[in-house]
C-alpha cells in the first residue's frame, strides 16, 4: 500500500513538473513574436527533446487514424502543441559539448 502511494506521488510530481514546463513554454512562445532566442537550461532543453519524439508519434498516429476514417476531425489541437514545441526547440540556445 505504501509503495502504491509513493508511486502515485511520484507520478503526480512528474505531471506537475510537466504542467509547469508547459505553462512556461506557452508564456515564452507567446512573448516571442520577434523570435529571439529562449534561454533554457540543458535539462529543460533535453526535456523538450524527449517530449517531442512521442508527440511526433502521437500526431502521426492521429493523422493516420483520420486518414483511415477512425477519427472524424483533424488533430488540430495536438498539432498546434507540437508546432509550439518545435518552435521552442528551434529558438532555444543549443547546448555545446
N, C-alpha and C. Protein backbone atom coordinates (compact mmCIF):
# COMPACT_ATOMS: atom_id res chain seq x y z
N UNK A 1 0.82 -1.19 0.00
CA UNK A 1 0.00 0.00 0.00
C UNK A 1 0.87 1.26 0.00
N UNK A 2 1.95 1.24 0.79
CA UNK A 2 2.83 2.40 0.85
C UNK A 2 3.53 2.61 -0.48
N UNK A 3 3.87 1.50 -1.15
CA UNK A 3 4.52 1.62 -2.46
C UNK A 3 3.59 2.25 -3.49
N UNK A 4 2.30 1.90 -3.42
CA UNK A 4 1.34 2.48 -4.35
C UNK A 4 1.18 3.97 -4.11
N UNK A 5 1.16 4.38 -2.84
CA UNK A 5 1.06 5.80 -2.52
C UNK A 5 2.29 6.55 -3.00
N UNK A 6 3.47 5.95 -2.80
CA UNK A 6 4.72 6.59 -3.24
C UNK A 6 4.75 6.71 -4.76
N UNK A 7 4.31 5.68 -5.46
CA UNK A 7 4.26 5.74 -6.92
C UNK A 7 3.29 6.81 -7.39
N UNK A 8 2.16 6.91 -6.71
CA UNK A 8 1.18 7.94 -7.05
C UNK A 8 1.75 9.33 -6.85
N UNK A 9 2.49 9.53 -5.76
CA UNK A 9 3.11 10.83 -5.51
C UNK A 9 4.16 11.15 -6.57
N UNK A 10 4.94 10.16 -6.95
CA UNK A 10 5.97 10.37 -7.98
C UNK A 10 5.32 10.77 -9.31
N UNK A 11 4.26 10.05 -9.68
CA UNK A 11 3.56 10.38 -10.93
C UNK A 11 2.96 11.77 -10.88
N UNK A 12 2.38 12.13 -9.70
CA UNK A 12 1.80 13.45 -9.54
C UNK A 12 2.87 14.54 -9.65
N UNK A 13 4.05 14.31 -9.03
CA UNK A 13 5.14 15.28 -9.12
C UNK A 13 5.63 15.43 -10.55
N UNK A 14 5.75 14.32 -11.25
CA UNK A 14 6.19 14.35 -12.65
C UNK A 14 5.17 15.13 -13.48
N UNK A 15 3.88 14.86 -13.27
CA UNK A 15 2.84 15.56 -14.02
C UNK A 15 2.83 17.05 -13.70
N UNK A 16 3.03 17.40 -12.41
CA UNK A 16 3.09 18.82 -12.04
C UNK A 16 4.28 19.50 -12.71
N UNK A 17 5.42 18.81 -12.79
CA UNK A 17 6.58 19.37 -13.47
C UNK A 17 6.30 19.57 -14.96
N UNK A 18 5.61 18.60 -15.57
CA UNK A 18 5.26 18.73 -16.98
C UNK A 18 4.32 19.91 -17.21
N UNK A 19 3.34 20.07 -16.33
CA UNK A 19 2.39 21.18 -16.46
C UNK A 19 3.12 22.51 -16.30
N UNK A 20 4.03 22.59 -15.32
CA UNK A 20 4.79 23.83 -15.11
C UNK A 20 5.65 24.15 -16.32
N UNK A 21 6.30 23.14 -16.89
CA UNK A 21 7.12 23.35 -18.07
C UNK A 21 6.26 23.77 -19.26
N UNK A 22 5.09 23.17 -19.40
CA UNK A 22 4.19 23.53 -20.49
C UNK A 22 3.72 24.98 -20.35
N UNK A 23 3.40 25.40 -19.11
CA UNK A 23 2.99 26.78 -18.89
C UNK A 23 4.13 27.75 -19.20
N UNK A 24 5.34 27.39 -18.79
CA UNK A 24 6.50 28.24 -19.08
C UNK A 24 6.73 28.32 -20.58
N UNK A 25 6.56 27.19 -21.25
CA UNK A 25 6.73 27.15 -22.71
C UNK A 25 5.70 28.04 -23.39
N UNK A 26 4.43 27.95 -22.95
CA UNK A 26 3.38 28.77 -23.53
C UNK A 26 3.66 30.25 -23.34
N UNK A 27 4.09 30.64 -22.12
CA UNK A 27 4.39 32.03 -21.85
C UNK A 27 5.55 32.52 -22.70
N UNK A 28 6.59 31.70 -22.82
CA UNK A 28 7.76 32.14 -23.57
C UNK A 28 7.47 32.24 -25.06
N UNK A 29 6.63 31.34 -25.58
CA UNK A 29 6.32 31.38 -27.01
C UNK A 29 5.40 32.57 -27.32
N UNK A 30 4.43 32.84 -26.45
CA UNK A 30 3.52 33.96 -26.69
C UNK A 30 4.27 35.28 -26.67
N UNK A 31 5.32 35.37 -25.87
CA UNK A 31 6.08 36.61 -25.77
C UNK A 31 7.23 36.68 -26.75
N UNK A 32 7.32 35.73 -27.66
CA UNK A 32 8.47 35.68 -28.57
C UNK A 32 8.08 35.98 -30.01
N UNK A 33 7.30 37.03 -30.22
CA UNK A 33 6.92 37.36 -31.59
C UNK A 33 8.11 37.75 -32.44
N UNK A 34 9.17 38.29 -31.80
CA UNK A 34 10.33 38.69 -32.57
C UNK A 34 11.32 37.53 -32.77
N UNK A 35 10.95 36.36 -32.27
CA UNK A 35 11.76 35.15 -32.44
C UNK A 35 13.19 35.30 -31.92
N UNK A 36 13.33 35.92 -30.78
CA UNK A 36 14.64 35.95 -30.14
C UNK A 36 14.87 34.61 -29.47
N UNK A 37 16.11 34.36 -29.11
CA UNK A 37 16.46 33.09 -28.51
C UNK A 37 15.88 32.97 -27.10
N UNK A 38 15.39 31.78 -26.78
CA UNK A 38 14.86 31.49 -25.47
C UNK A 38 15.95 30.83 -24.65
N UNK A 39 16.17 31.31 -23.44
CA UNK A 39 17.20 30.74 -22.58
C UNK A 39 16.61 29.55 -21.82
N UNK A 40 17.13 28.37 -22.06
CA UNK A 40 16.75 27.17 -21.33
C UNK A 40 18.00 26.55 -20.75
N UNK A 41 17.85 25.88 -19.62
CA UNK A 41 18.96 25.10 -19.10
C UNK A 41 19.08 23.83 -19.94
N UNK A 42 20.19 23.16 -19.80
CA UNK A 42 20.41 21.93 -20.57
C UNK A 42 19.34 20.90 -20.22
N UNK A 43 18.95 20.83 -18.95
CA UNK A 43 17.94 19.85 -18.53
C UNK A 43 16.60 20.15 -19.19
N UNK A 44 16.21 21.41 -19.25
CA UNK A 44 14.93 21.76 -19.87
C UNK A 44 14.98 21.51 -21.38
N UNK A 45 16.14 21.81 -22.00
CA UNK A 45 16.27 21.55 -23.43
C UNK A 45 16.16 20.06 -23.70
N UNK A 46 16.83 19.25 -22.88
CA UNK A 46 16.73 17.79 -23.04
C UNK A 46 15.30 17.32 -22.84
N UNK A 47 14.60 17.93 -21.89
CA UNK A 47 13.21 17.57 -21.64
C UNK A 47 12.34 17.91 -22.85
N UNK A 48 12.60 19.06 -23.47
CA UNK A 48 11.84 19.43 -24.68
C UNK A 48 12.06 18.41 -25.79
N UNK A 49 13.31 17.99 -25.95
CA UNK A 49 13.63 16.99 -26.98
C UNK A 49 12.94 15.67 -26.67
N UNK A 50 12.99 15.26 -25.40
CA UNK A 50 12.36 13.99 -25.02
C UNK A 50 10.84 14.04 -25.17
N UNK A 51 10.23 15.20 -24.97
CA UNK A 51 8.80 15.34 -25.15
C UNK A 51 8.41 15.37 -26.63
N UNK A 52 9.30 15.83 -27.48
CA UNK A 52 8.98 15.98 -28.90
C UNK A 52 8.80 14.64 -29.60
N UNK A 53 9.66 13.68 -29.29
CA UNK A 53 9.62 12.41 -30.01
C UNK A 53 8.28 11.67 -29.85
N UNK A 54 7.79 11.45 -28.63
CA UNK A 54 6.49 10.78 -28.55
C UNK A 54 5.34 11.63 -29.09
N UNK A 55 5.47 12.95 -28.99
CA UNK A 55 4.41 13.81 -29.51
C UNK A 55 4.34 13.70 -31.03
N UNK A 56 5.48 13.59 -31.68
CA UNK A 56 5.50 13.40 -33.14
C UNK A 56 4.79 12.10 -33.49
N UNK A 57 5.08 11.03 -32.74
CA UNK A 57 4.43 9.74 -32.98
C UNK A 57 2.91 9.85 -32.78
N UNK A 58 2.50 10.57 -31.71
CA UNK A 58 1.07 10.73 -31.45
C UNK A 58 0.37 11.45 -32.59
N UNK A 59 0.97 12.55 -33.04
CA UNK A 59 0.35 13.32 -34.12
C UNK A 59 0.30 12.48 -35.39
N UNK A 60 1.36 11.75 -35.65
CA UNK A 60 1.39 10.87 -36.83
C UNK A 60 0.28 9.82 -36.74
N UNK A 61 0.14 9.20 -35.57
CA UNK A 61 -0.92 8.20 -35.40
C UNK A 61 -2.30 8.81 -35.53
N UNK A 62 -2.49 10.00 -34.97
CA UNK A 62 -3.79 10.67 -35.09
C UNK A 62 -4.12 11.00 -36.54
N UNK A 63 -3.13 11.45 -37.31
CA UNK A 63 -3.37 11.73 -38.73
C UNK A 63 -3.67 10.43 -39.49
N UNK A 64 -2.98 9.35 -39.14
CA UNK A 64 -3.26 8.07 -39.79
C UNK A 64 -4.67 7.60 -39.48
N UNK A 65 -5.11 7.77 -38.22
CA UNK A 65 -6.47 7.38 -37.86
C UNK A 65 -7.48 8.26 -38.59
N UNK A 66 -7.17 9.54 -38.78
CA UNK A 66 -8.06 10.42 -39.53
C UNK A 66 -8.13 9.98 -40.98
N UNK A 67 -6.98 9.63 -41.55
CA UNK A 67 -6.97 9.20 -42.96
C UNK A 67 -7.74 7.90 -43.16
N UNK A 68 -7.74 7.03 -42.15
CA UNK A 68 -8.45 5.77 -42.26
C UNK A 68 -9.94 5.91 -41.93
N UNK A 69 -10.35 7.06 -41.44
CA UNK A 69 -11.74 7.29 -41.13
C UNK A 69 -12.13 6.96 -39.70
N UNK A 70 -11.17 6.57 -38.87
CA UNK A 70 -11.46 6.26 -37.48
C UNK A 70 -11.79 7.54 -36.72
N UNK A 71 -10.99 8.57 -36.93
CA UNK A 71 -11.23 9.88 -36.33
C UNK A 71 -11.96 10.75 -37.33
N UNK A 72 -12.89 11.54 -36.84
CA UNK A 72 -13.68 12.38 -37.73
C UNK A 72 -13.08 13.77 -37.95
N UNK A 73 -12.20 14.19 -37.04
CA UNK A 73 -11.63 15.53 -37.13
C UNK A 73 -10.10 15.46 -37.21
N UNK A 74 -9.54 16.45 -37.86
CA UNK A 74 -8.09 16.56 -37.93
C UNK A 74 -7.56 16.88 -36.53
N UNK A 75 -6.44 16.27 -36.11
CA UNK A 75 -5.91 16.53 -34.76
C UNK A 75 -5.25 17.90 -34.66
N UNK A 76 -6.05 18.93 -34.77
CA UNK A 76 -5.54 20.29 -34.85
C UNK A 76 -4.91 20.76 -33.54
N UNK A 77 -5.52 20.46 -32.40
CA UNK A 77 -5.01 20.94 -31.11
C UNK A 77 -3.66 20.31 -30.81
N UNK A 78 -3.57 18.99 -31.00
CA UNK A 78 -2.30 18.31 -30.72
C UNK A 78 -1.23 18.78 -31.70
N UNK A 79 -1.60 19.04 -32.94
CA UNK A 79 -0.65 19.53 -33.94
C UNK A 79 -0.12 20.91 -33.55
N UNK A 80 -1.01 21.78 -33.05
CA UNK A 80 -0.58 23.11 -32.61
C UNK A 80 0.38 23.02 -31.44
N UNK A 81 0.12 22.08 -30.52
CA UNK A 81 1.03 21.88 -29.40
C UNK A 81 2.40 21.42 -29.89
N UNK A 82 2.40 20.53 -30.87
CA UNK A 82 3.66 20.06 -31.44
C UNK A 82 4.39 21.20 -32.15
N UNK A 83 3.66 22.01 -32.89
CA UNK A 83 4.27 23.16 -33.56
C UNK A 83 4.90 24.12 -32.57
N UNK A 84 4.21 24.37 -31.45
CA UNK A 84 4.76 25.26 -30.43
C UNK A 84 6.02 24.67 -29.82
N UNK A 85 6.01 23.38 -29.59
CA UNK A 85 7.18 22.71 -29.03
C UNK A 85 8.36 22.79 -30.00
N UNK A 86 8.08 22.61 -31.29
CA UNK A 86 9.14 22.69 -32.28
C UNK A 86 9.72 24.10 -32.37
N UNK A 87 8.87 25.11 -32.28
CA UNK A 87 9.36 26.49 -32.29
C UNK A 87 10.24 26.74 -31.08
N UNK A 88 9.81 26.23 -29.92
CA UNK A 88 10.61 26.41 -28.71
C UNK A 88 11.96 25.74 -28.85
N UNK A 89 12.00 24.57 -29.44
CA UNK A 89 13.28 23.87 -29.64
C UNK A 89 14.15 24.64 -30.63
N UNK A 90 13.55 25.15 -31.70
CA UNK A 90 14.32 25.88 -32.69
C UNK A 90 14.88 27.18 -32.13
N UNK A 91 14.11 27.85 -31.27
CA UNK A 91 14.53 29.14 -30.74
C UNK A 91 15.44 29.03 -29.52
N UNK A 92 15.54 27.86 -28.95
CA UNK A 92 16.37 27.69 -27.75
C UNK A 92 17.84 27.66 -28.12
N UNK A 93 18.66 28.17 -27.21
CA UNK A 93 20.10 28.02 -27.39
C UNK A 93 20.44 26.56 -27.27
N UNK A 94 21.25 26.06 -28.18
CA UNK A 94 21.61 24.66 -28.17
C UNK A 94 22.82 24.46 -27.25
N UNK A 95 22.78 23.40 -26.43
CA UNK A 95 23.93 23.15 -25.57
C UNK A 95 25.14 22.72 -26.39
N UNK A 96 26.29 23.11 -25.94
CA UNK A 96 27.53 22.72 -26.62
C UNK A 96 28.23 21.66 -25.82
N UNK A 97 29.15 20.97 -26.45
CA UNK A 97 29.87 19.92 -25.75
C UNK A 97 31.01 20.47 -24.95
